[in-house]
């Protein structure tokens, strides 16, 4: 018996089987725990990703009420997270908004099979002893919405009636401009975005104060009542947004009525382009997007025995229309361009489009001209196309110096000097990536250019943080 017991104790055969028998249970338990943990990690990832998507969706709306943001965020969460699979009921207050902070915090649990056997689960919270609790939270910011005053300075000269790619050019411009207006204003839902329309050809037709005008014979007008007048460049201050002086000695600062001619023929005659009443009117700053779209939809270049292109006059009135002077009285202070609070900030922008070179002449410099009864008859008031081109160059430089964003579009324009002038006129993009200028040789390229301009302006107005 003693030998049998001794042999049994010293016999090592079958040890592996005993060791395996002892270890198989913890091995299997460890594998089960790994499975439970892996399922929890997958659920946690799904929950976090879905919550991130939900708060980003809620913050993606540029203009919306809190309830609209919450509803959209909840809808995105439910579309991405299988709530029923994890027995999760998502309430209406799933997303909370405090100031400009959007947040979400959700907890759920998943059943476990092995971790409860191992004793690794600590019971607490809302989970049962047979469940593992998972929790995620996410935050995003409501876009800080700024404001904008945008002048659309659009060429309505006779050449815009020409066909390009099977469509009249002004119609392509019109449709692209309407899309831009709707894009930036969020279809009129953001009343902090205003537009002014400046159609130009041989000049512009504007509703101006009498005290800012000379009549067709060069006589100073008085009073603050407004009258529709067709005008071109001024003789002085034609490269800035200074409003005309009411002093009789500063008559050169004023606009001349019925000044839409090619040369210095003040009485009309063969150089007269078109009647003032048939010219398209300036639409001053407004946030009535529906009316703006209606104007654009109905406009076409006016008829006339001579049509010229006064780019500098168009730009000048685009600038005055968003200026804080009293020529039109609609523009806000330039100080708001750099306001600290994004909701007070105002983007002032001019979008200038033309399809031709400057062909309307303008004054440039004045020298020793006596006023007299009819100072406009003096010989030292030269009218030249090159004057107007230089005026435009200085206008662009001065507007940009005041913080105005200048965007230019050359549409089916084959004059290289004018294309270069427009490119130099435009504001620089951030980080030295070029200027905000577009050369569109086809209708498709113009549509794409205006779409990009709308996106650029929208990104500036609706500031995500």
Protein backbone atom coordinates (compact mmCIF):
# COMPACT_ATOMS: atom_id res chain seq x y z
CA UNK A 1 0.00 0.00 0.00
CA UNK A 2 2.82 2.32 0.97
CA UNK A 3 4.57 1.66 -2.35
CA UNK A 4 1.33 2.23 -4.26
CA UNK A 5 0.78 5.57 -2.59
CA UNK A 6 4.38 6.53 -3.14
CA UNK A 7 4.19 5.64 -6.82
CA UNK A 8 0.95 7.58 -7.20
CA UNK A 9 2.42 10.73 -5.65
CA UNK A 10 5.57 10.57 -7.76
CA UNK A 11 3.75 9.79 -11.02
CA UNK A 12 3.57 12.97 -13.21
CA UNK A 13 1.54 11.47 -16.00
CA UNK A 14 -1.77 13.41 -16.65
CA UNK A 15 -0.66 16.62 -14.91
CA UNK A 16 -1.48 18.72 -17.94
CA UNK A 17 -5.02 17.46 -17.88
CA UNK A 18 -5.43 18.51 -14.27
CA UNK A 19 -3.88 21.92 -14.94
CA UNK A 20 -6.10 22.44 -17.96
CA UNK A 21 -9.10 21.47 -15.89
CA UNK A 22 -8.27 24.05 -13.29
CA UNK A 23 -7.46 26.83 -15.80
CA UNK A 24 -10.19 26.33 -18.38
CA UNK A 25 -12.75 28.17 -16.29
CA UNK A 26 -10.75 31.39 -15.79
CA UNK A 27 -9.62 31.25 -19.44
CA UNK A 28 -13.19 31.00 -20.63
CA UNK A 29 -14.26 33.70 -18.19
CA UNK A 30 -11.50 36.00 -19.45
CA UNK A 31 -12.58 35.42 -23.02
CA UNK A 32 -16.16 36.17 -22.07
CA UNK A 33 -15.13 39.35 -20.29
CA UNK A 34 -13.25 40.40 -23.42
CA UNK A 35 -16.39 39.82 -25.47
CA UNK A 36 -18.53 41.87 -23.05
CA UNK A 37 -15.96 44.65 -23.01
CA UNK A 38 -15.69 44.68 -26.80
CA UNK A 39 -19.46 45.02 -27.08
CA UNK A 40 -19.34 47.90 -24.63
CA UNK A 41 -16.59 49.64 -26.61
CA UNK A 42 -18.59 49.29 -29.81
CA UNK A 43 -21.70 50.68 -28.12
CA UNK A 44 -19.72 53.55 -26.61
CA UNK A 45 -18.27 54.41 -30.03
CA UNK A 46 -21.73 54.36 -31.64
CA UNK A 47 -23.16 56.52 -28.87
CA UNK A 48 -20.34 59.07 -29.03
CA UNK A 49 -20.35 59.32 -32.81
CA UNK A 50 -24.13 59.72 -32.87
CA UNK A 51 -24.04 62.42 -30.22
CA UNK A 52 -21.28 64.30 -32.01
CA UNK A 53 -23.34 64.19 -35.19
CA UNK A 54 -26.44 65.37 -33.32
CA UNK A 55 -24.91 68.48 -31.75
CA UNK A 56 -23.09 69.39 -34.98
CA UNK A 57 -26.36 69.09 -36.88
CA UNK A 58 -28.09 71.31 -34.33
CA UNK A 59 -25.33 73.87 -34.75
CA UNK A 60 -25.30 73.68 -38.53
CA UNK A 61 -28.42 75.77 -38.94
CA UNK A 62 -27.37 79.32 -39.63
CA UNK A 63 -30.67 80.81 -38.48
CA UNK A 64 -33.04 78.75 -36.32
CA UNK A 65 -34.94 78.76 -33.04
CA UNK A 66 -33.77 76.63 -30.11
CA UNK A 67 -36.66 74.21 -30.65
CA UNK A 68 -35.69 73.78 -34.30
CA UNK A 69 -32.10 73.06 -33.37
CA UNK A 70 -33.14 70.55 -30.70
CA UNK A 71 -35.52 68.78 -33.08
CA UNK A 72 -32.89 68.49 -35.80
CA UNK A 73 -30.26 67.24 -33.36
CA UNK A 74 -32.61 64.60 -31.95
CA UNK A 75 -33.57 63.47 -35.46
CA UNK A 76 -29.91 63.00 -36.41
CA UNK A 77 -29.20 61.06 -33.20
CA UNK A 78 -32.12 58.70 -33.72
CA UNK A 79 -31.11 58.16 -37.35
CA UNK A 80 -27.57 57.14 -36.36
CA UNK A 81 -27.91 55.36 -33.01
CA UNK A 82 -29.99 52.14 -32.65
CA UNK A 83 -31.71 53.33 -29.47
CA UNK A 84 -34.13 50.40 -29.34
CA UNK A 85 -31.26 47.93 -29.44
CA UNK A 86 -29.88 49.47 -26.26
CA UNK A 87 -33.26 50.15 -24.65
CA UNK A 88 -32.67 53.91 -24.78
CA UNK A 89 -35.53 56.40 -24.83
CA UNK A 90 -34.44 59.77 -26.20
CA UNK A 91 -36.43 62.65 -24.71
CA UNK A 92 -37.23 66.04 -26.21
CA UNK A 93 -34.62 67.61 -23.93
CA UNK A 94 -31.89 65.32 -25.23
CA UNK A 95 -30.11 68.46 -26.47
CA UNK A 96 -29.76 71.54 -24.32
CA UNK A 97 -28.77 75.05 -25.45
CA UNK A 98 -27.23 77.52 -23.07
CA UNK A 99 -26.29 80.77 -24.76
CA UNK A 100 -24.32 79.75 -27.83
CA UNK A 101 -23.33 76.33 -26.40
CA UNK A 102 -25.14 73.23 -27.63
CA UNK A 103 -24.65 70.16 -25.45
CA UNK A 104 -25.94 66.61 -25.11
CA UNK A 105 -25.37 64.02 -22.35
CA UNK A 106 -26.77 60.51 -22.53
CA UNK A 107 -26.35 57.32 -20.53
CA UNK A 108 -27.43 53.81 -21.43
CA UNK A 109 -26.43 50.26 -20.53
CA UNK A 110 -25.76 46.97 -22.22
CA UNK A 111 -26.41 43.50 -20.77
CA UNK A 112 -23.39 41.39 -19.89
CA UNK A 113 -23.03 37.58 -19.68
CA UNK A 114 -19.58 37.04 -18.29
CA UNK A 115 -18.54 40.17 -16.43
CA UNK A 116 -21.24 39.66 -13.83
CA UNK A 117 -19.89 36.17 -13.13
CA UNK A 118 -16.40 37.55 -12.69
CA UNK A 119 -17.52 40.12 -10.15
CA UNK A 120 -15.96 42.91 -12.21
CA UNK A 121 -19.18 44.91 -12.37
CA UNK A 122 -19.77 47.32 -9.56
CA UNK A 123 -23.42 48.00 -9.17
CA UNK A 124 -24.27 51.68 -9.24
CA UNK A 125 -26.07 54.32 -11.24
CA UNK A 126 -28.98 53.27 -13.37
CA UNK A 127 -27.54 49.96 -14.53
CA UNK A 128 -28.55 46.66 -12.97
CA UNK A 129 -25.94 44.17 -11.67
CA UNK A 130 -26.23 42.39 -15.00
CA UNK A 131 -25.55 45.49 -17.12
CA UNK A 132 -22.62 47.70 -18.02
CA UNK A 133 -23.29 51.45 -18.03
CA UNK A 134 -21.95 53.59 -20.88
CA UNK A 135 -22.10 57.36 -21.03
CA UNK A 136 -21.18 59.98 -23.62
CA UNK A 137 -21.45 63.73 -23.96
CA UNK A 138 -20.83 66.18 -26.78
CA UNK A 139 -20.82 69.93 -27.31
CA UNK A 140 -20.90 72.31 -30.25
CA UNK A 141 -21.41 76.03 -30.71
CA UNK A 142 -24.25 77.93 -32.30
CA UNK A 143 -22.88 79.95 -35.24
CA UNK A 144 -22.33 83.58 -34.32
CA UNK A 145 -24.39 85.47 -36.86
CA UNK A 146 -23.04 88.74 -38.16
CA UNK A 147 -24.60 91.22 -40.55
CA UNK A 148 -23.85 92.36 -44.06
CA UNK A 149 -24.41 95.28 -46.41
CA UNK A 150 -23.67 94.13 -49.93
CA UNK A 151 -23.74 96.19 -53.11
CA UNK A 152 -24.31 94.28 -56.34
CA UNK A 153 -22.88 96.57 -59.03
CA UNK A 154 -24.03 94.96 -62.27
CA UNK A 155 -23.37 95.88 -65.88
CA UNK A 156 -26.61 96.46 -67.81
CA UNK A 157 -25.05 97.98 -70.92
CA UNK A 158 -26.23 96.93 -74.36
CA UNK A 159 -23.64 94.17 -74.75
CA UNK A 160 -25.28 92.25 -71.91
CA UNK A 161 -28.09 91.49 -74.35
CA UNK A 162 -25.70 89.43 -76.45
CA UNK A 163 -25.96 85.65 -76.39
CA UNK A 164 -23.39 83.43 -74.74
CA UNK A 165 -23.81 79.64 -74.71
CA UNK A 166 -27.34 80.03 -76.02
CA UNK A 167 -28.56 82.51 -73.39
CA UNK A 168 -28.54 86.29 -73.13
CA UNK A 169 -25.76 87.29 -70.78
CA UNK A 170 -27.86 89.51 -68.54
CA UNK A 171 -30.20 86.58 -67.86
CA UNK A 172 -27.33 84.39 -66.72
CA UNK A 173 -26.14 87.25 -64.49
CA UNK A 174 -29.66 87.80 -63.17
CA UNK A 175 -30.23 84.18 -62.20
CA UNK A 176 -26.80 83.88 -60.58
CA UNK A 177 -27.37 87.09 -58.62
CA UNK A 178 -30.75 85.89 -57.34
CA UNK A 179 -29.17 82.65 -56.14
CA UNK A 180 -26.41 84.62 -54.39
CA UNK A 181 -28.92 86.87 -52.63
CA UNK A 182 -30.94 83.88 -51.43
CA UNK A 183 -27.82 82.04 -50.30
CA UNK A 184 -26.37 84.82 -48.17
CA UNK A 185 -29.71 85.89 -46.69
CA UNK A 186 -30.83 82.30 -46.08
CA UNK A 187 -33.81 82.97 -48.34
CA UNK A 188 -34.59 86.16 -46.49
CA UNK A 189 -34.67 84.63 -43.01
CA UNK A 190 -31.72 86.68 -41.73
CA UNK A 191 -32.84 90.30 -41.67
CA UNK A 192 -29.34 91.44 -40.80
CA UNK A 193 -28.29 90.89 -44.42
CA UNK A 194 -29.12 93.77 -46.76
CA UNK A 195 -28.43 94.26 -50.43
CA UNK A 196 -28.35 97.24 -52.75
CA UNK A 197 -28.62 96.86 -56.52
CA UNK A 198 -26.62 99.21 -58.73
CA UNK A 199 -27.39 98.65 -62.43
CA UNK A 200 -25.10 100.74 -64.62
CA UNK A 201 -24.54 101.35 -68.30
CA UNK A 202 -23.62 104.88 -69.47
CA UNK A 203 -24.12 106.04 -65.90
CA UNK A 204 -26.53 105.33 -63.07
CA UNK A 205 -30.03 106.45 -62.15
CA UNK A 206 -30.23 107.40 -58.47
CA UNK A 207 -32.70 109.12 -56.15
CA UNK A 208 -30.50 111.96 -54.88
CA UNK A 209 -30.94 115.02 -52.70
CA UNK A 210 -31.26 118.27 -54.62
CA UNK A 211 -28.44 119.82 -52.56
CA UNK A 212 -26.13 117.11 -53.94
CA UNK A 213 -26.90 117.99 -57.56
CA UNK A 214 -26.29 120.38 -60.40
CA UNK A 215 -29.03 120.55 -63.01
CA UNK A 216 -28.36 119.81 -66.67
CA UNK A 217 -27.28 123.42 -67.23
CA UNK A 218 -24.79 123.39 -64.36
CA UNK A 219 -26.92 125.38 -61.92
CA UNK A 220 -26.74 124.41 -58.23
CA UNK A 221 -29.93 122.93 -56.77
CA UNK A 222 -30.98 123.36 -53.17
CA UNK A 223 -33.03 121.53 -50.57
CA UNK A 224 -33.15 118.01 -49.21
CA UNK A 225 -35.98 116.69 -51.34
CA UNK A 226 -34.93 113.83 -53.58
CA UNK A 227 -35.25 113.48 -57.31
CA UNK A 228 -34.40 110.69 -59.72
CA UNK A 229 -31.34 111.76 -61.69
CA UNK A 230 -29.13 110.09 -64.25
CA UNK A 231 -25.54 110.86 -63.41
CA UNK A 232 -21.93 109.80 -64.00
CA UNK A 233 -18.68 110.55 -62.20
CA UNK A 234 -18.25 113.77 -60.25
CA UNK A 235 -15.52 116.28 -61.07
CA UNK A 236 -13.93 116.19 -57.63
CA UNK A 237 -14.18 113.63 -54.84
CA UNK A 238 -14.87 111.08 -57.57
CA UNK A 239 -12.46 108.61 -56.00
CA UNK A 240 -13.92 108.51 -52.47
CA UNK A 241 -17.24 108.25 -50.66
CA UNK A 242 -17.30 111.81 -49.34
CA UNK A 243 -20.79 113.21 -49.70
CA UNK A 244 -21.20 116.38 -51.78
CA UNK A 245 -20.79 119.68 -50.00
CA UNK A 246 -23.80 122.00 -49.98
CA UNK A 247 -21.52 125.02 -50.31
CA UNK A 248 -21.81 126.83 -53.62
CA UNK A 249 -18.02 127.08 -53.81
CA UNK A 250 -17.75 123.28 -53.80
CA UNK A 251 -20.05 122.69 -56.75
CA UNK A 252 -17.46 120.37 -58.30
CA UNK A 253 -18.30 117.80 -55.59
CA UNK A 254 -21.84 117.43 -56.92
CA UNK A 255 -23.35 115.14 -59.51
CA UNK A 256 -24.67 116.58 -62.76
CA UNK A 257 -28.21 115.66 -63.76
CA UNK A 258 -28.64 113.93 -67.12
CA UNK A 259 -24.89 113.34 -67.23
CA UNK A 260 -25.01 110.05 -69.13
CA UNK A 261 -23.13 110.98 -72.27
CA UNK A 262 -19.99 109.82 -73.97
CA UNK A 263 -18.40 113.24 -74.48
CA UNK A 264 -18.82 116.71 -73.02
CA UNK A 265 -22.04 117.50 -74.92
CA UNK A 266 -24.16 118.82 -72.12
CA UNK A 267 -27.30 119.50 -74.09
CA UNK A 268 -27.82 116.01 -75.46
CA UNK A 269 -27.62 115.91 -79.21
CA UNK A 270 -26.01 113.01 -81.01
CA UNK A 271 -24.11 111.82 -77.97
CA UNK A 272 -27.17 111.28 -75.82
CA UNK A 273 -27.45 107.62 -74.84
CA UNK A 274 -30.93 107.00 -73.52
CA UNK A 275 -33.67 108.81 -71.64
CA UNK A 276 -33.27 108.90 -67.87
CA UNK A 277 -36.77 107.57 -67.25
CA UNK A 278 -36.00 104.36 -69.13
CA UNK A 279 -32.79 103.66 -67.21
CA UNK A 280 -32.84 101.08 -64.46
CA UNK A 281 -33.01 102.61 -60.96
CA UNK A 282 -30.72 101.98 -58.04
CA UNK A 283 -32.37 99.87 -55.34
CA UNK A 284 -31.12 101.16 -52.00
CA UNK A 285 -30.14 98.89 -49.10
CA UNK A 286 -32.94 96.57 -48.15
CA UNK A 287 -33.43 93.17 -46.55
CA UNK A 288 -36.63 92.57 -48.54
CA UNK A 289 -35.13 89.69 -50.49
CA UNK A 290 -38.33 88.80 -52.27
CA UNK A 291 -38.61 92.30 -53.76
CA UNK A 292 -34.94 92.28 -54.75
CA UNK A 293 -35.42 89.03 -56.59
CA UNK A 294 -38.46 90.48 -58.35
CA UNK A 295 -36.49 93.51 -59.51
CA UNK A 296 -33.69 91.34 -60.85
CA UNK A 297 -36.16 89.03 -62.56
CA UNK A 298 -37.84 91.90 -64.40
CA UNK A 299 -34.80 93.96 -65.40
CA UNK A 300 -33.14 94.02 -68.81
CA UNK A 301 -30.66 96.47 -70.39
CA UNK A 302 -32.50 99.63 -71.54
CA UNK A 303 -32.74 100.57 -75.17
CA UNK A 304 -30.83 103.58 -76.50
CA UNK A 305 -29.20 104.84 -79.63
CA UNK A 306 -25.80 104.70 -77.88
CA UNK A 307 -24.83 102.48 -74.99
CA UNK A 308 -21.62 102.96 -73.06
CA UNK A 309 -20.08 101.39 -69.96
CA UNK A 310 -19.45 103.56 -66.88
CA UNK A 311 -17.75 101.09 -64.54
CA UNK A 312 -16.30 103.80 -62.30
CA UNK A 313 -19.70 105.47 -61.83
CA UNK A 314 -21.29 102.13 -60.99
CA UNK A 315 -18.61 101.33 -58.42
CA UNK A 316 -18.85 104.83 -56.92
CA UNK A 317 -22.57 104.48 -56.28
CA UNK A 318 -22.13 100.95 -55.00
CA UNK A 319 -19.72 102.36 -52.43
CA UNK A 320 -21.99 105.30 -51.51
CA UNK A 321 -24.90 102.89 -51.10
CA UNK A 322 -23.18 101.01 -48.25
CA UNK A 323 -21.33 104.03 -46.86
CA UNK A 324 -22.31 105.70 -43.59
CA UNK A 325 -22.70 109.08 -45.29
CA UNK A 326 -26.05 110.74 -46.03
CA UNK A 327 -26.13 110.26 -49.80
CA UNK A 328 -28.48 107.32 -49.26
CA UNK A 329 -28.48 107.11 -45.43
CA UNK A 330 -28.82 103.32 -45.31
CA UNK A 331 -25.29 102.26 -44.46
CA UNK A 332 -24.12 101.54 -40.93
CA UNK A 333 -20.99 102.92 -39.33
CA UNK A 334 -17.63 101.73 -40.65
CA UNK A 335 -16.70 101.05 -37.01
CA UNK A 336 -18.99 98.02 -37.04
CA UNK A 337 -16.73 96.27 -39.57
CA UNK A 338 -14.36 95.53 -36.70
CA UNK A 339 -16.89 95.26 -33.85
CA UNK A 340 -15.77 92.85 -31.11
CA UNK A 341 -19.16 91.16 -30.77
CA UNK A 342 -19.79 89.03 -33.88
CA UNK A 343 -23.50 89.80 -33.68
CA UNK A 344 -22.75 93.53 -34.02
CA UNK A 345 -20.22 93.06 -36.80
CA UNK A 346 -21.13 94.22 -40.32
CA UNK A 347 -19.55 92.96 -43.52
CA UNK A 348 -19.50 95.72 -46.13
CA UNK A 349 -18.93 94.33 -49.60
CA UNK A 350 -19.11 95.41 -53.23
CA UNK A 351 -19.56 92.79 -55.96
CA UNK A 352 -18.69 94.39 -59.30
CA UNK A 353 -19.45 92.66 -62.62
CA UNK A 354 -18.81 93.95 -66.11
CA UNK A 355 -18.48 92.44 -69.57
CA UNK A 356 -16.66 95.34 -71.19
CA UNK A 357 -14.04 98.03 -70.89
CA UNK A 358 -14.72 101.53 -69.57
CA UNK A 359 -16.15 103.44 -72.53
CA UNK A 360 -17.88 106.33 -70.71
CA UNK A 361 -15.55 109.25 -70.13
CA UNK A 362 -15.05 111.02 -66.82
CA UNK A 363 -13.30 113.98 -65.25
CA UNK A 364 -10.05 113.39 -63.47
CA UNK A 365 -8.37 116.63 -62.37
CA UNK A 366 -9.59 120.19 -62.24
CA UNK A 367 -7.30 123.16 -62.95
CA UNK A 368 -8.08 126.86 -62.49
CA UNK A 369 -11.60 126.72 -63.79
CA UNK A 370 -13.74 129.75 -62.92
CA UNK A 371 -17.26 128.94 -61.82
CA UNK A 372 -19.22 131.58 -63.69
CA UNK A 373 -22.84 131.06 -64.67
CA UNK A 374 -22.06 127.90 -66.61
CA UNK A 375 -18.71 126.52 -65.41
CA UNK A 376 -19.26 123.31 -67.30
CA UNK A 377 -18.43 125.03 -70.54
CA UNK A 378 -14.81 125.64 -69.55
CA UNK A 379 -12.19 123.93 -71.68
CA UNK A 380 -10.09 122.75 -68.72
CA UNK A 381 -12.48 120.01 -67.62
CA UNK A 382 -11.13 117.14 -69.68
CA UNK A 383 -13.34 114.10 -70.25
CA UNK A 384 -11.42 110.91 -71.01
CA UNK A 385 -11.89 107.16 -70.70
CA UNK A 386 -8.49 106.91 -69.05
CA UNK A 387 -9.67 109.34 -66.37
CA UNK A 388 -12.50 107.00 -65.49
CA UNK A 389 -10.15 104.01 -65.43
CA UNK A 390 -7.84 105.82 -63.01
CA UNK A 391 -10.85 106.86 -60.94
CA UNK A 392 -11.87 103.21 -60.59
CA UNK A 393 -8.40 102.17 -59.52
CA UNK A 394 -8.32 104.82 -56.80
CA UNK A 395 -11.89 104.06 -55.73
CA UNK A 396 -11.01 100.42 -55.16
CA UNK A 397 -7.88 101.29 -53.18
CA UNK A 398 -9.76 103.79 -50.99
CA UNK A 399 -12.73 101.47 -50.38
CA UNK A 400 -10.47 98.61 -49.34
CA UNK A 401 -8.61 100.94 -46.99
CA UNK A 402 -11.90 101.58 -45.20
CA UNK A 403 -12.51 97.87 -44.72
CA UNK A 404 -14.85 97.27 -47.67
CA UNK A 405 -14.53 93.82 -49.23
CA UNK A 406 -14.27 94.22 -53.02
CA UNK A 407 -15.11 91.26 -55.26
CA UNK A 408 -14.83 91.60 -59.03
CA UNK A 409 -16.12 89.51 -61.92
CA UNK A 410 -14.96 89.80 -65.53
CA UNK A 411 -17.73 88.19 -67.59
CA UNK A 412 -16.97 87.29 -71.20
CA UNK A 413 -14.51 90.18 -71.14
CA UNK A 414 -11.80 90.20 -73.83
CA UNK A 415 -10.06 93.44 -72.86
CA UNK A 416 -6.93 92.34 -71.01
CA UNK A 417 -6.26 95.76 -69.44
CA UNK A 418 -9.73 95.82 -67.91
CA UNK A 419 -9.39 92.24 -66.66
CA UNK A 420 -6.11 93.17 -64.99
CA UNK A 421 -7.68 96.31 -63.53
CA UNK A 422 -10.52 94.27 -62.03
CA UNK A 423 -8.08 91.74 -60.61
CA UNK A 424 -6.07 94.49 -58.95
CA UNK A 425 -9.25 96.13 -57.72
CA UNK A 426 -10.35 93.06 -55.76
CA UNK A 427 -9.56 92.50 -52.09
CA UNK A 428 -6.83 89.99 -51.22
CA UNK A 429 -7.80 86.60 -49.87
CA UNK A 430 -6.44 85.46 -46.51
CA UNK A 431 -2.92 84.09 -46.28
CA UNK A 432 -1.84 85.44 -49.66
CA UNK A 433 -3.88 83.03 -51.78
CA UNK A 434 -4.78 85.59 -54.44
CA UNK A 435 -7.60 88.11 -54.75
CA UNK A 436 -11.38 87.80 -54.68
CA UNK A 437 -11.62 88.09 -58.46
CA UNK A 438 -13.24 85.83 -61.03
CA UNK A 439 -12.84 85.53 -64.79
CA UNK A 440 -15.90 83.86 -66.29
CA UNK A 441 -15.75 83.03 -69.99
CA UNK A 442 -18.98 81.03 -70.11
CA UNK A 443 -22.41 80.98 -68.51
CA UNK A 444 -21.43 77.96 -66.45
CA UNK A 445 -18.32 79.69 -65.14
CA UNK A 446 -20.35 82.75 -64.16
CA UNK A 447 -22.87 80.62 -62.28
CA UNK A 448 -20.03 78.86 -60.47
CA UNK A 449 -18.34 82.20 -59.67
CA UNK A 450 -21.49 83.65 -58.10
CA UNK A 451 -22.04 80.45 -56.16
CA UNK A 452 -18.54 80.72 -54.75
CA UNK A 453 -19.02 84.41 -53.95
CA UNK A 454 -22.22 83.54 -52.09
CA UNK A 455 -20.39 80.90 -50.08
CA UNK A 456 -17.53 83.29 -49.27
CA UNK A 457 -19.93 85.95 -48.02
CA UNK A 458 -21.98 83.39 -46.09
CA UNK A 459 -18.92 82.09 -44.29
CA UNK A 460 -18.11 85.64 -43.23
CA UNK A 461 -21.64 86.38 -42.01
CA UNK A 462 -22.32 83.08 -40.24
CA UNK A 463 -19.30 82.62 -38.04
CA UNK A 464 -18.86 79.08 -36.69
CA UNK A 465 -16.61 78.85 -33.66
